[in-house]
């Protein structure tokens, strides 16, 4: 069985506010066992989103993702072949039993369904949501090599990508690997290789845009952020040309990029 992309982690100075944004904008549900003094954890019924308070020495923004596997041991053996090390995480983390990295240094967690660390939304019953996380995108060096790594080590299935990207899927969520080139950032702020954006699928783009407007009108603290100004426009152009899975691009209340698409009728 392939790994499942079940966890995304953010680091934020405004973690409580950011959690409210995802609840209000996307209908994500809070954990039955909230830990407001540590982090905010919300979920769409499949993927858990951990929003962690920023501590000294840690940058804000998208931080890492997590994979759930049937058995961790075979994954660890395959990691050894790539000379990749692992770190066991503290028991206070509700998903991360083990943290490791791919050949380009992108961090990801590994968890097994019966691991002691799995708590919170990660063990609560899965209920499909109308608005859900559809993809997680990384800008990375050696994108093709990294794609081969996730296919070989974690069993994610390669899927057709555009714009020179590599897509891997667990059957529900897509991991998008976008090649990182410093020249792509001409005219805007240069961002290091690493997590780039979260993709969401919604039942109606019009309804979603109306909801965002209502949120901002009712509570200015929950207003989504636009990429504005000359540098913002250049970044938006790069954003739009880098990933084909979204249709409407914004940033959340703390500046994390979001790529939203309307659900395709089945």
Protein backbone atom coordinates (compact mmCIF):
# COMPACT_ATOMS: atom_id res chain seq x y z
CA UNK A 1 0.00 0.00 0.00
CA UNK A 2 1.31 3.49 -0.82
CA UNK A 3 1.89 6.03 1.90
CA UNK A 4 -0.90 8.53 2.60
CA UNK A 5 -0.25 12.25 2.81
CA UNK A 6 -2.05 12.92 6.09
CA UNK A 7 -0.27 15.83 7.76
CA UNK A 8 0.83 19.39 6.95
CA UNK A 9 2.59 21.64 9.43
CA UNK A 10 2.83 25.43 9.56
CA UNK A 11 4.79 27.68 11.91
CA UNK A 12 3.19 31.00 12.76
CA UNK A 13 3.36 34.04 15.03
CA UNK A 14 -0.44 34.13 14.78
CA UNK A 15 -1.19 30.44 15.07
CA UNK A 16 -4.54 30.78 16.87
CA UNK A 17 -5.83 33.32 14.34
CA UNK A 18 -4.58 31.20 11.45
CA UNK A 19 -6.47 28.21 12.82
CA UNK A 20 -9.69 30.24 12.95
CA UNK A 21 -9.15 31.24 9.33
CA UNK A 22 -9.01 27.62 8.14
CA UNK A 23 -12.06 26.77 10.23
CA UNK A 24 -14.06 29.70 8.90
CA UNK A 25 -12.91 29.70 5.27
CA UNK A 26 -12.67 25.96 4.58
CA UNK A 27 -14.86 24.40 7.25
CA UNK A 28 -11.94 22.50 8.75
CA UNK A 29 -12.73 20.96 12.12
CA UNK A 30 -10.77 21.39 15.31
CA UNK A 31 -9.50 18.40 17.23
CA UNK A 32 -11.64 16.91 19.97
CA UNK A 33 -8.63 17.37 22.26
CA UNK A 34 -7.46 20.93 21.52
CA UNK A 35 -4.03 21.96 22.82
CA UNK A 36 -4.20 25.78 22.62
CA UNK A 37 -1.04 26.21 24.68
CA UNK A 38 0.97 24.16 22.17
CA UNK A 39 -0.55 24.43 18.71
CA UNK A 40 -3.81 24.51 16.79
CA UNK A 41 -4.78 21.32 14.96
CA UNK A 42 -7.57 21.28 12.38
CA UNK A 43 -8.49 18.75 9.72
CA UNK A 44 -10.59 18.16 6.62
CA UNK A 45 -11.43 14.57 7.58
CA UNK A 46 -8.33 13.18 5.90
CA UNK A 47 -5.42 15.62 6.22
CA UNK A 48 -4.53 17.17 9.56
CA UNK A 49 -3.17 20.71 9.57
CA UNK A 50 -0.92 21.56 12.52
CA UNK A 51 -0.33 25.27 13.10
CA UNK A 52 2.53 25.64 15.55
CA UNK A 53 3.60 28.78 17.43
CA UNK A 54 6.85 30.20 16.14
CA UNK A 55 9.75 29.88 18.56
CA UNK A 56 13.14 31.65 18.38
CA UNK A 57 15.27 30.43 15.51
CA UNK A 58 12.37 29.05 13.46
CA UNK A 59 11.04 30.77 10.34
CA UNK A 60 7.31 31.25 9.89
CA UNK A 61 5.33 29.66 7.09
CA UNK A 62 4.88 26.20 5.62
CA UNK A 63 7.27 23.83 7.39
CA UNK A 64 6.83 20.17 6.43
CA UNK A 65 4.36 17.42 5.57
CA UNK A 66 3.72 13.95 6.94
CA UNK A 67 3.09 10.50 5.50
CA UNK A 68 1.19 7.67 7.14
CA UNK A 69 2.32 4.15 6.25
CA UNK A 70 1.14 0.66 7.11
CA UNK A 71 4.55 -0.30 8.47
CA UNK A 72 7.43 2.04 9.24
CA UNK A 73 10.17 -0.62 9.36
CA UNK A 74 10.38 -1.29 5.58
CA UNK A 75 10.49 2.48 4.93
CA UNK A 76 13.39 2.85 7.35
CA UNK A 77 15.30 0.12 5.52
CA UNK A 78 14.79 1.86 2.20
CA UNK A 79 15.89 5.17 3.71
CA UNK A 80 19.21 3.59 4.69
CA UNK A 81 19.95 2.90 1.04
CA UNK A 82 19.67 6.63 0.41
CA UNK A 83 21.89 7.41 3.42
CA UNK A 84 19.06 9.38 4.98
CA UNK A 85 18.90 9.62 8.77
CA UNK A 86 15.81 9.76 10.98
CA UNK A 87 14.93 11.38 14.30
CA UNK A 88 12.33 10.08 16.74
CA UNK A 89 10.05 12.92 17.82
CA UNK A 90 8.79 13.80 21.33
CA UNK A 91 5.49 12.25 22.40
CA UNK A 92 3.86 15.71 22.47
CA UNK A 93 3.62 15.70 18.66
CA UNK A 94 0.19 14.34 17.62
CA UNK A 95 1.42 12.89 14.33
CA UNK A 96 5.20 12.87 14.07
CA UNK A 97 6.53 9.55 15.32
CA UNK A 98 9.62 9.94 13.14
CA UNK A 99 10.99 12.86 11.13
CA UNK A 100 13.32 12.45 8.19
CA UNK A 101 14.10 14.11 4.84
CA UNK A 102 14.40 13.46 1.14
CA UNK A 103 17.68 13.73 -0.85
CA UNK A 104 17.16 17.48 -1.34
CA UNK A 105 16.65 18.12 2.38
CA UNK A 106 12.86 18.55 2.41
CA UNK A 107 11.52 17.45 5.80
CA UNK A 108 8.68 14.99 6.22
CA UNK A 109 7.22 12.96 9.07
CA UNK A 110 6.52 9.24 9.10
CA UNK A 111 3.76 7.72 11.16
CA UNK A 112 2.16 4.31 11.50
CA UNK A 113 -1.51 3.97 12.39
CA UNK A 114 -0.79 2.29 15.73
CA UNK A 115 2.09 4.55 16.77
CA UNK A 116 1.71 6.09 20.22
CA UNK A 117 2.31 9.58 18.82
CA UNK A 118 -0.82 9.48 16.68
CA UNK A 119 -3.51 11.44 18.51
CA UNK A 120 -5.89 14.35 17.85
CA UNK A 121 -7.48 14.59 14.37
CA UNK A 122 -5.12 11.84 13.19
CA UNK A 123 -7.08 9.13 15.01
CA UNK A 124 -10.56 10.65 14.92
CA UNK A 125 -13.06 9.27 12.44
CA UNK A 126 -12.66 10.35 8.83
CA UNK A 127 -15.64 12.28 7.49
CA UNK A 128 -15.43 13.72 3.98
CA UNK A 129 -15.54 17.52 3.81
CA UNK A 130 -16.94 19.70 1.02
CA UNK A 131 -13.72 21.72 1.09
CA UNK A 132 -10.57 19.65 1.34
CA UNK A 133 -6.81 19.74 0.86
CA UNK A 134 -6.05 18.50 -2.65
CA UNK A 135 -2.31 19.00 -2.99
CA UNK A 136 0.88 20.09 -1.26
CA UNK A 137 3.58 21.73 -3.37
CA UNK A 138 7.35 21.93 -2.88
CA UNK A 139 9.91 23.89 -4.87
CA UNK A 140 12.99 21.73 -4.79
CA UNK A 141 16.37 21.13 -6.31
CA UNK A 142 16.76 17.82 -8.19
CA UNK A 143 12.98 17.51 -8.61
CA UNK A 144 13.16 14.39 -10.79
CA UNK A 145 15.49 12.61 -8.35
CA UNK A 146 13.25 13.61 -5.43
CA UNK A 147 10.18 12.28 -7.28
CA UNK A 148 11.93 8.94 -7.80
CA UNK A 149 12.75 8.88 -4.08
CA UNK A 150 9.12 9.27 -2.95
CA UNK A 151 7.96 6.67 -5.46
CA UNK A 152 10.61 4.13 -4.44
CA UNK A 153 10.76 4.71 -0.69
CA UNK A 154 7.16 5.63 0.12
CA UNK A 155 5.19 4.04 -2.68
CA UNK A 156 3.54 7.25 -3.85
CA UNK A 157 2.28 6.82 -7.40
CA UNK A 158 3.71 9.05 -10.15
CA UNK A 159 1.06 11.03 -12.02
CA UNK A 160 1.24 13.30 -15.03
CA UNK A 161 2.40 16.84 -14.24
CA UNK A 162 2.70 20.08 -16.20
CA UNK A 163 5.17 22.98 -16.29
CA UNK A 164 8.06 20.58 -15.77
CA UNK A 165 6.62 19.47 -12.43
CA UNK A 166 6.49 15.97 -11.00
CA UNK A 167 3.27 14.76 -9.37
CA UNK A 168 2.92 11.87 -6.94
CA UNK A 169 -0.38 10.81 -5.44
CA UNK A 170 -1.71 8.65 -2.63
CA UNK A 171 -4.99 8.38 -4.54
CA UNK A 172 -6.51 11.39 -2.82
CA UNK A 173 -3.84 14.05 -2.22
CA UNK A 174 -1.11 15.02 -4.68
CA UNK A 175 2.47 15.90 -3.80
CA UNK A 176 3.67 18.43 -6.39
CA UNK A 177 7.42 18.78 -6.89
CA UNK A 178 8.30 21.98 -8.72
CA UNK A 179 11.91 22.58 -9.86
CA UNK A 180 13.54 25.46 -7.94
CA UNK A 181 15.47 27.96 -10.05
CA UNK A 182 16.77 31.23 -8.66
CA UNK A 183 16.01 32.91 -11.99
CA UNK A 184 12.28 32.26 -11.47
CA UNK A 185 12.33 34.89 -8.73
CA UNK A 186 13.51 37.77 -10.89
CA UNK A 187 11.46 40.84 -9.97
CA UNK A 188 10.31 39.50 -6.60
CA UNK A 189 11.70 38.31 -3.27
CA UNK A 190 13.80 35.16 -3.53
CA UNK A 191 12.45 32.24 -1.54
CA UNK A 192 14.65 29.29 -0.60
CA UNK A 193 13.78 25.79 -1.82
CA UNK A 194 11.11 24.14 0.28
CA UNK A 195 7.33 24.04 0.81
CA UNK A 196 5.54 26.47 -1.52
CA UNK A 197 1.76 26.25 -1.14
CA UNK A 198 -1.26 24.22 -0.06
CA UNK A 199 -3.92 23.34 -2.62
CA UNK A 200 -7.62 23.14 -1.75
CA UNK A 201 -10.62 21.83 -3.62
CA UNK A 202 -13.98 23.53 -2.96
CA UNK A 203 -17.53 22.78 -4.04
CA UNK A 204 -17.93 26.20 -5.69
CA UNK A 205 -15.38 28.93 -6.33
CA UNK A 206 -18.10 31.58 -6.33
CA UNK A 207 -19.38 30.44 -2.94
CA UNK A 208 -15.84 30.29 -1.59
CA UNK A 209 -15.01 33.82 -2.79
CA UNK A 210 -18.24 35.08 -1.23
CA UNK A 211 -17.30 33.39 2.03
CA UNK A 212 -13.88 35.08 2.01
CA UNK A 213 -15.55 38.45 1.45
CA UNK A 214 -17.92 37.86 4.36
CA UNK A 215 -15.06 36.85 6.63
CA UNK A 216 -13.08 40.01 5.88
CA UNK A 217 -16.13 42.23 6.25
CA UNK A 218 -17.16 40.68 9.57
CA UNK A 219 -13.66 40.35 11.03
CA UNK A 220 -10.73 42.20 9.39
CA UNK A 221 -8.31 39.86 11.19
CA UNK A 222 -9.66 36.98 9.09
CA UNK A 223 -9.28 38.71 5.74
CA UNK A 224 -7.26 36.70 3.22
CA UNK A 225 -4.17 38.48 1.94
CA UNK A 226 -3.57 39.40 -1.69
CA UNK A 227 -0.18 39.43 -3.43
CA UNK A 228 -0.02 43.15 -4.17
CA UNK A 229 2.49 45.66 -5.52
CA UNK A 230 5.07 45.11 -8.22
CA UNK A 231 6.85 42.29 -6.38
CA UNK A 232 3.54 40.72 -5.40
CA UNK A 233 2.39 40.75 -9.00
CA UNK A 234 5.62 39.09 -10.09
CA UNK A 235 5.20 36.42 -7.42
CA UNK A 236 1.58 35.86 -8.45
CA UNK A 237 2.68 35.41 -12.05
CA UNK A 238 5.23 32.82 -10.94
CA UNK A 239 2.62 31.14 -8.73
CA UNK A 240 0.12 30.89 -11.58
CA UNK A 241 2.69 29.55 -14.04
CA UNK A 242 4.14 26.97 -11.65
CA UNK A 243 1.20 24.73 -10.78
CA UNK A 244 -1.71 23.69 -12.97
CA UNK A 245 -3.92 22.28 -10.21
CA UNK A 246 -5.44 25.53 -8.92
CA UNK A 247 -7.60 28.30 -10.34
CA UNK A 248 -7.75 30.97 -7.61
CA UNK A 249 -4.66 32.03 -5.69
CA UNK A 250 -4.52 33.90 -2.39
CA UNK A 251 -2.58 33.92 0.87
CA UNK A 252 -3.97 33.12 4.30
CA UNK A 253 -3.92 35.59 7.18
CA UNK A 254 -0.23 34.87 7.88
CA UNK A 255 0.93 34.89 4.26
CA UNK A 256 0.89 31.16 3.43
CA UNK A 257 0.07 30.69 -0.26
CA UNK A 258 -3.13 28.84 -1.13
CA UNK A 259 -4.14 27.46 -4.54
CA UNK A 260 -7.90 26.84 -4.75
CA UNK A 261 -9.82 24.94 -7.44
CA UNK A 262 -13.45 24.03 -7.92
CA UNK A 263 -14.21 20.35 -7.52
CA UNK A 264 -14.59 18.56 -10.83
CA UNK A 265 -18.02 16.93 -11.19
CA UNK A 266 -17.80 13.14 -11.23
